[in-house]
Protein backbone atom coordinates (compact mmCIF):
# COMPACT_ATOMS: atom_id res chain seq x y z
CA VAL A 1 -4.67 -8.97 -7.33
CA GLU A 2 -5.48 -8.30 -3.70
CA LYS A 3 -6.62 -4.85 -2.61
CA TRP A 4 -6.91 -3.32 0.84
CA VAL A 5 -8.00 -0.04 2.30
CA SER A 6 -7.69 0.81 5.97
CA TYR A 7 -10.32 2.75 7.89
CA ARG A 8 -11.77 2.82 11.35
CA VAL A 9 -15.50 2.14 11.36
CA LYS A 10 -17.75 3.56 14.08
CA LYS A 11 -21.53 3.30 13.91
CA GLY A 12 -21.28 2.56 10.21
CA VAL A 13 -19.43 5.79 9.42
CA LEU A 14 -15.85 6.10 8.21
CA ARG A 15 -13.72 7.89 10.78
CA SER A 16 -10.12 8.92 11.18
CA VAL A 17 -7.88 6.80 13.36
CA ASN A 18 -5.60 7.61 16.28
CA ILE A 19 -2.41 5.62 16.84
CA ASN A 20 -0.23 6.43 19.84
CA GLY A 21 -1.66 9.94 20.07
CA LEU A 22 -1.33 10.70 16.35
CA ASP A 23 -4.42 11.36 14.25
CA PHE A 24 -4.73 9.88 10.76
CA CYS A 25 -7.44 11.36 8.55
CA GLU A 26 -9.91 9.43 6.41
CA LEU A 27 -8.49 8.35 3.04
CA ILE A 28 -11.43 9.11 0.80
CA GLU A 29 -9.69 8.62 -2.54
CA SER A 30 -8.11 5.32 -1.52
CA GLU A 31 -11.46 3.58 -1.72
CA LYS A 32 -11.88 4.82 -5.29
CA GLU A 33 -8.32 3.74 -6.02
CA VAL A 34 -9.03 0.20 -4.89
CA GLN A 35 -12.31 -0.03 -6.78
CA ASN A 36 -10.93 1.48 -9.99
CA ILE A 37 -7.92 -0.83 -10.05
CA ALA A 38 -10.08 -3.87 -9.33
CA HIS A 39 -12.20 -2.83 -12.31
CA LEU A 40 -9.09 -2.63 -14.51
CA PHE A 41 -8.32 -6.26 -13.69
CA THR A 42 -11.83 -7.63 -14.11
CA ARG A 43 -12.21 -5.77 -17.40
CA LYS A 44 -9.15 -7.68 -18.62
CA GLY A 45 -10.71 -10.95 -17.48
CA PHE A 46 -8.62 -11.39 -14.32
CA ARG A 47 -9.93 -12.12 -10.83
CA ALA A 48 -9.59 -9.31 -8.30
CA GLN A 49 -10.49 -9.51 -4.62
CA SER A 50 -11.08 -6.26 -2.71
CA TYR A 51 -11.34 -5.69 1.04
CA LEU A 52 -12.83 -2.39 2.16
CA HIS A 53 -13.77 -0.80 5.48
CA ALA A 54 -14.29 -3.35 8.28
CA LYS A 55 -13.17 -6.17 5.99
CA ALA A 56 -9.81 -4.46 5.49
CA SER A 57 -8.50 -6.01 8.69
CA LYS A 58 -5.05 -7.27 9.50
CA GLN A 59 -6.47 -10.77 9.96
CA HIS A 60 -7.86 -10.79 6.42
CA PHE A 61 -4.64 -9.39 5.01
CA VAL A 62 -2.48 -12.08 6.64
CA ALA A 63 -4.88 -14.87 5.69
CA GLN A 64 -5.63 -13.86 2.10
CA THR A 65 -2.41 -12.54 0.54
CA LYS A 66 -1.04 -15.98 -0.33
CA GLY A 67 -1.31 -16.90 -4.00
CA TYR A 68 -1.85 -13.46 -5.54
CA LYS A 69 0.43 -12.06 -8.23
CA TYR A 70 -0.30 -8.44 -7.29
CA VAL A 71 -1.05 -7.06 -3.84
CA LEU A 72 -2.13 -3.44 -3.34
CA VAL A 73 -2.33 -1.85 0.10
CA ALA A 74 -3.96 1.60 0.13
CA ALA A 75 -3.83 2.76 3.73
CA HIS A 76 -2.05 4.86 6.33
CA ASN A 77 1.44 3.92 7.44
CA TYR A 78 2.67 4.68 10.94
CA PHE A 79 6.38 5.11 11.70
CA ASP A 80 7.86 5.30 15.18
CA PRO A 81 11.46 6.60 14.86
CA GLN A 82 12.25 5.38 18.37
CA LYS A 83 10.95 1.86 17.85
CA SER A 84 10.79 0.71 14.26
CA ASP A 85 9.37 -2.72 15.15
CA ALA A 86 6.32 -0.88 16.48
CA SER A 87 5.84 0.79 13.09
CA GLY A 88 3.58 -0.52 10.36
CA ILE A 89 0.50 -0.27 8.17
CA ILE A 90 -2.78 0.68 9.84
CA PHE A 91 -5.60 -1.78 9.18
CA SER A 92 -9.22 -1.65 10.25
CA PRO A 93 -10.46 -3.49 13.31
CA ASP A 94 -11.95 -6.86 12.47
CA GLU A 95 -15.70 -7.51 12.36
CA THR A 96 -15.82 -7.86 16.16
CA GLY A 97 -14.94 -4.19 16.55
CA GLY A 98 -12.20 -2.62 18.63
CA ASP A 99 -9.37 -0.37 17.56
CA ALA A 100 -7.44 -0.09 14.33
CA GLN A 101 -4.55 -2.54 14.15
CA LEU A 102 -0.93 -2.21 13.07
CA PHE A 103 0.65 -4.71 10.72
CA THR A 104 4.28 -4.40 11.74
CA ILE A 105 7.56 -4.84 9.91
CA ASN A 106 8.31 -7.96 11.93
CA GLU A 107 4.97 -9.50 10.91
CA ALA A 108 5.79 -8.91 7.23
CA TYR A 109 8.56 -11.53 7.47
CA GLN A 110 5.95 -14.16 8.36
CA LEU A 111 3.82 -13.76 5.22
CA ASN A 112 3.87 -16.21 2.32
CA LEU A 113 4.36 -14.13 -0.82
CA GLN A 114 6.12 -16.74 -2.94
CA ALA A 115 3.58 -16.26 -5.75
CA THR A 116 3.60 -12.46 -5.54
CA HIS A 117 5.29 -10.54 -8.32
CA LEU A 118 4.60 -7.05 -6.95
CA VAL A 119 3.41 -5.52 -3.68
CA VAL A 120 2.30 -1.89 -3.98
CA LEU A 121 2.29 0.05 -0.72
CA SER A 122 0.11 3.03 -1.56
CA CYS A 123 0.86 4.59 1.82
CA CYS A 124 2.83 7.50 3.24
CA GLU A 125 6.47 6.81 4.15
CA SER A 126 6.03 3.08 3.56
CA GLY A 127 9.74 2.74 2.78
CA ARG A 128 10.85 4.52 5.92
CA GLY A 129 12.73 2.51 8.51
CA THR A 130 15.65 2.33 10.90
CA HIS A 131 19.20 2.39 9.58
CA ILE A 132 21.37 -0.35 11.03
CA GLN A 133 25.09 -0.31 10.35
CA GLY A 134 26.06 -3.16 8.04
CA GLU A 135 22.41 -3.92 7.23
CA GLY A 136 21.06 -0.72 5.70
CA THR A 137 17.52 0.49 6.24
CA ILE A 138 15.19 -2.01 7.90
CA SER A 139 11.68 -1.19 6.70
CA MET A 140 8.46 -2.85 5.58
CA ASN A 141 9.80 -3.58 2.11
CA ARG A 142 12.65 -5.66 3.57
CA GLY A 143 10.13 -7.94 5.29
CA LEU A 144 7.95 -8.26 2.18
CA LEU A 145 10.91 -9.20 -0.01
CA PHE A 146 12.04 -11.74 2.58
CA ALA A 147 8.51 -13.20 2.53
CA GLY A 148 8.90 -13.93 -1.18
CA ALA A 149 7.64 -10.90 -3.10
CA ASP A 150 9.68 -10.23 -6.24
CA ASN A 151 9.16 -6.46 -6.11
CA VAL A 152 7.86 -3.84 -3.68
CA LEU A 153 6.72 -0.32 -4.56
CA HIS A 154 6.99 2.01 -1.58
CA SER A 155 7.04 5.73 -0.78
CA LEU A 156 9.94 7.69 0.67
CA PHE A 157 7.90 10.52 2.17
CA LYS A 158 4.33 11.65 2.81
CA VAL A 159 2.14 11.39 -0.29
CA PRO A 160 -1.27 13.00 -0.99
CA ASP A 161 -4.40 10.87 -1.12
CA THR A 162 -5.90 12.11 -4.40
CA GLU A 163 -2.75 12.30 -6.50
CA THR A 164 -1.46 8.98 -5.17
CA ALA A 165 -4.70 7.28 -6.19
CA GLN A 166 -4.31 8.73 -9.69
CA LEU A 167 -0.66 7.68 -9.99
CA ILE A 168 -1.16 4.12 -8.74
CA THR A 169 -4.18 3.64 -11.01
CA GLN A 170 -2.04 4.69 -13.98
CA LEU A 171 0.69 2.30 -12.81
CA PHE A 172 -1.66 -0.70 -12.88
CA ALA A 173 -3.10 0.39 -16.22
CA ALA A 174 0.42 0.24 -17.63
CA LEU A 175 1.15 -3.12 -15.99
CA LEU A 176 -2.00 -4.57 -17.50
CA ASN A 177 -0.76 -3.46 -20.91
CA ASN A 178 2.25 -5.74 -20.35
CA ILE A 179 4.66 -2.90 -19.62
CA PRO A 180 7.46 -4.09 -17.26
CA ASN A 181 7.50 -2.82 -13.66
CA TYR A 182 10.12 -0.08 -13.86
CA GLN A 183 8.90 1.14 -17.22
CA ALA A 184 5.29 1.07 -15.94
CA LEU A 185 6.22 3.27 -12.98
CA SER A 186 8.10 5.64 -15.29
CA THR A 187 5.12 5.74 -17.65
CA ALA A 188 2.70 6.47 -14.80
CA LYS A 189 4.88 9.30 -13.48
CA ARG A 190 5.38 10.78 -16.94
CA ASN A 191 1.65 10.69 -17.68
CA PHE A 192 0.95 12.32 -14.33
CA VAL A 193 3.39 15.17 -15.04
CA LEU A 194 2.01 15.71 -18.54
CA ASN A 195 -1.67 15.68 -17.55
CA HIS A 196 -1.85 17.08 -14.02
CA PRO A 197 -2.32 20.86 -13.60
CA ASN A 198 0.24 20.85 -10.77
CA PRO A 199 3.13 18.49 -11.61
CA ASN A 200 5.02 19.29 -8.39
CA PRO A 201 7.43 16.38 -7.67
CA LYS A 202 6.15 16.05 -4.11
CA LEU A 203 2.91 14.72 -5.60
CA TRP A 204 4.48 11.85 -7.57
CA ALA A 205 8.24 11.48 -7.02
CA GLY A 206 8.06 9.72 -3.66
CA PHE A 207 7.34 6.26 -5.06
CA VAL A 208 10.29 3.93 -5.61
CA LEU A 209 10.40 0.37 -6.92
CA LEU A 210 12.63 -2.19 -5.22
CA GLY A 211 13.28 -5.69 -6.49
CA GLU A 212 14.05 -7.44 -9.76
């Protein structure tokens, strides 16, 4: 399983990022999400590779995703309704510094995900895209499926940091108990509703599974 979290790093401190004039706040719970899910895998005896902070760069993501059965991206997603090919997932600058970088929908088509069973986009509006007549909605999940992923989990609207981390952690716990994808997502959502003090659908209903 491959894990990513996207932050901007300045003087060793996590900061929010600004893309095209829009501010994106620090995702504090996403780091815990990545670490907790990595622990779930290693506890089961599987290898898990995590990339956090400055190492959660677009360059690392492109270079390292090949060969993993599960890929988790816990980050901000940016959507430009006027130019969908300029939309994408926000990754950290690489180790040389600079600004945060977008991994665009067009770049998703170039990945090699032939070995990947499931990509989880733990991001806001990660399934949002541009509707093209005769083609449907062109979004990040279309590119990831084209690149070879069997399944993509994405969100339809903005999702909260804390509750999303809880839901996705429960999803992977179910997957590691050999529960199939759709049933695992249903189990995670049901557990969230039963155990969370505020089971408002806006906290959990935004995630949709696409694929096999």
